[in-house]
C-alpha cells in the first residue's frame, strides 16, 4: 500500500533532501576591501527558504564576537574602529524571519597602516541606491 506524505512528514523529507535554511547565492563569497583601518564588506544575495519567511537580518562577527546585526535588505557594510595592521576573521550569517541561519561566509583580512580614530567596532549600512 502506498502512503502519501503530508504536513510535517513531507516537510521533514523536503528538509532532508534540500537545505532548510536561507542560502547565499551559489559560489558567493564574503568580499572585503581594505581602506586603512576600515574594511568595506559585501556579500551576495540570499535566497530565503520561501517567500513567507524572508531574511530579516545578518549577524556579523569579527574574530568570533558579534559586532552587528545589519537589516536583511543590506548586502554589505563598512567596518570601522578596527586596529591598524591586524588580521581579522570576518563572518556573516543570514537569519530568516523564523530564526533559521544560513551557512556562514567568512574572510580573513588585514587592515591597513593608518591609525583609526575610534576604538568601537561598528558596521555602517545604507539603503540600496544611496
Protein backbone atom coordinates (compact mmCIF):
# COMPACT_ATOMS: atom_id res chain seq x y z
CA UNK A 1 0.00 0.00 0.00
CA UNK A 2 1.28 3.45 -0.89
CA UNK A 3 1.25 6.26 1.65
CA UNK A 4 1.11 9.93 0.94
CA UNK A 5 3.39 12.25 2.81
CA UNK A 6 1.55 15.20 4.24
CA UNK A 7 2.22 18.02 6.67
CA UNK A 8 5.25 17.62 8.87
CA UNK A 9 6.36 14.35 7.29
CA UNK A 10 6.55 15.99 3.88
CA UNK A 11 8.42 18.97 5.31
CA UNK A 12 10.88 16.68 7.09
CA UNK A 13 11.54 14.80 3.86
CA UNK A 14 11.97 18.06 1.95
CA UNK A 15 14.46 19.28 4.57
CA UNK A 16 16.40 16.04 4.31
CA UNK A 17 16.68 16.47 0.53
CA UNK A 18 17.24 20.23 0.34
CA UNK A 19 18.65 22.93 2.57
CA UNK A 20 16.08 24.07 5.14
CA UNK A 21 17.70 27.42 5.68
CA UNK A 22 18.32 30.63 3.80
CA UNK A 23 21.19 30.25 1.34
CA UNK A 24 23.69 32.67 -0.16
CA UNK A 25 23.97 32.67 -3.95
CA UNK A 26 25.88 29.65 -5.21
CA UNK A 27 29.59 30.31 -5.25
CA UNK A 28 29.08 33.54 -3.29
CA UNK A 29 31.85 34.83 -1.09
CA UNK A 30 32.32 37.48 1.55
CA UNK A 31 34.32 40.21 -0.18
CA UNK A 32 36.49 42.56 1.89
CA UNK A 33 38.11 45.75 0.58
CA UNK A 34 40.62 47.37 2.94
CA UNK A 35 40.92 51.15 3.27
CA UNK A 36 43.40 51.80 6.08
CA UNK A 37 41.86 50.53 9.32
CA UNK A 38 38.39 50.34 7.70
CA UNK A 39 37.01 47.40 5.73
CA UNK A 40 34.18 47.52 3.18
CA UNK A 41 32.34 44.19 3.25
CA UNK A 42 29.95 42.92 0.59
CA UNK A 43 28.08 39.64 0.44
CA UNK A 44 25.86 38.04 -2.21
CA UNK A 45 22.07 37.93 -2.27
CA UNK A 46 20.36 35.40 -0.06
CA UNK A 47 17.57 33.10 -1.15
CA UNK A 48 15.08 32.52 1.68
CA UNK A 49 13.59 29.07 2.23
CA UNK A 50 10.28 30.51 1.00
CA UNK A 51 8.79 33.94 0.28
CA UNK A 52 6.80 33.94 3.53
CA UNK A 53 9.97 33.70 5.63
CA UNK A 54 12.30 36.42 4.30
CA UNK A 55 15.79 37.19 5.52
CA UNK A 56 15.33 39.80 8.27
CA UNK A 57 18.90 40.37 9.36
CA UNK A 58 22.51 39.31 9.12
CA UNK A 59 24.84 38.51 12.01
CA UNK A 60 28.30 39.96 11.52
CA UNK A 61 31.15 38.61 13.61
CA UNK A 62 34.73 39.83 13.93
CA UNK A 63 37.09 37.21 15.39
CA UNK A 64 34.05 35.26 16.59
CA UNK A 65 32.46 38.16 18.50
CA UNK A 66 29.13 39.51 17.25
CA UNK A 67 29.56 43.19 16.34
CA UNK A 68 26.43 43.99 14.34
CA UNK A 69 23.07 42.79 13.04
CA UNK A 70 22.52 44.65 9.75
CA UNK A 71 18.99 44.59 8.28
CA UNK A 72 18.02 41.83 5.86
CA UNK A 73 17.94 44.13 2.82
CA UNK A 74 21.64 45.00 3.11
CA UNK A 75 24.37 43.39 1.08
CA UNK A 76 27.33 44.94 2.83
CA UNK A 77 28.66 47.43 5.32
CA UNK A 78 31.76 49.39 6.26
CA UNK A 79 33.57 48.19 9.37
CA UNK A 80 35.33 50.95 11.27
CA UNK A 81 37.09 51.06 14.62
CA UNK A 82 39.43 48.23 13.71
CA UNK A 83 43.07 48.35 14.78
CA UNK A 84 45.62 49.08 12.04
CA UNK A 85 47.78 46.28 10.65
CA UNK A 86 45.83 43.49 12.36
CA UNK A 87 44.40 40.37 10.72
CA UNK A 88 40.72 39.76 11.48
CA UNK A 89 38.45 36.81 10.74
CA UNK A 90 35.12 38.17 9.47
CA UNK A 91 31.94 36.11 9.24
CA UNK A 92 28.40 36.88 8.08
CA UNK A 93 25.30 34.70 8.51
CA UNK A 94 21.78 35.38 7.20
CA UNK A 95 18.81 34.98 9.58
CA UNK A 96 15.27 34.46 8.29
CA UNK A 97 12.01 35.54 9.96
CA UNK A 98 11.69 32.28 11.91
CA UNK A 99 15.29 32.31 13.13
CA UNK A 100 16.92 29.84 10.73
CA UNK A 101 20.57 30.60 9.98
CA UNK A 102 22.37 30.27 6.67
CA UNK A 103 25.76 28.66 6.37
CA UNK A 104 28.37 31.33 7.17
CA UNK A 105 30.51 33.21 4.69
CA UNK A 106 33.97 34.07 6.01
CA UNK A 107 37.01 36.07 5.02
CA UNK A 108 40.33 36.88 6.67
CA UNK A 109 41.51 40.44 6.18
CA UNK A 110 44.46 42.51 7.36
CA UNK A 111 43.76 46.19 7.93
CA UNK A 112 45.99 48.93 6.56
CA UNK A 113 48.60 51.02 8.39
CA UNK A 114 46.57 54.18 9.07
CA UNK A 115 45.52 54.61 12.71
CA UNK A 116 41.79 54.55 13.42
CA UNK A 117 40.08 57.34 15.33
CA UNK A 118 37.51 55.15 17.09
CA UNK A 119 38.08 52.08 19.22
CA UNK A 120 34.47 50.87 18.94
CA UNK A 121 33.86 48.49 16.05
CA UNK A 122 30.76 49.42 14.06
CA UNK A 123 29.07 48.33 10.86
CA UNK A 124 27.57 51.21 8.87
CA UNK A 125 24.96 50.40 6.23
CA UNK A 126 22.87 52.46 3.84
CA UNK A 127 19.67 51.60 1.96
CA UNK A 128 20.16 50.34 -1.62
CA UNK A 129 20.79 53.15 -4.09
CA UNK A 130 22.25 55.58 -1.56
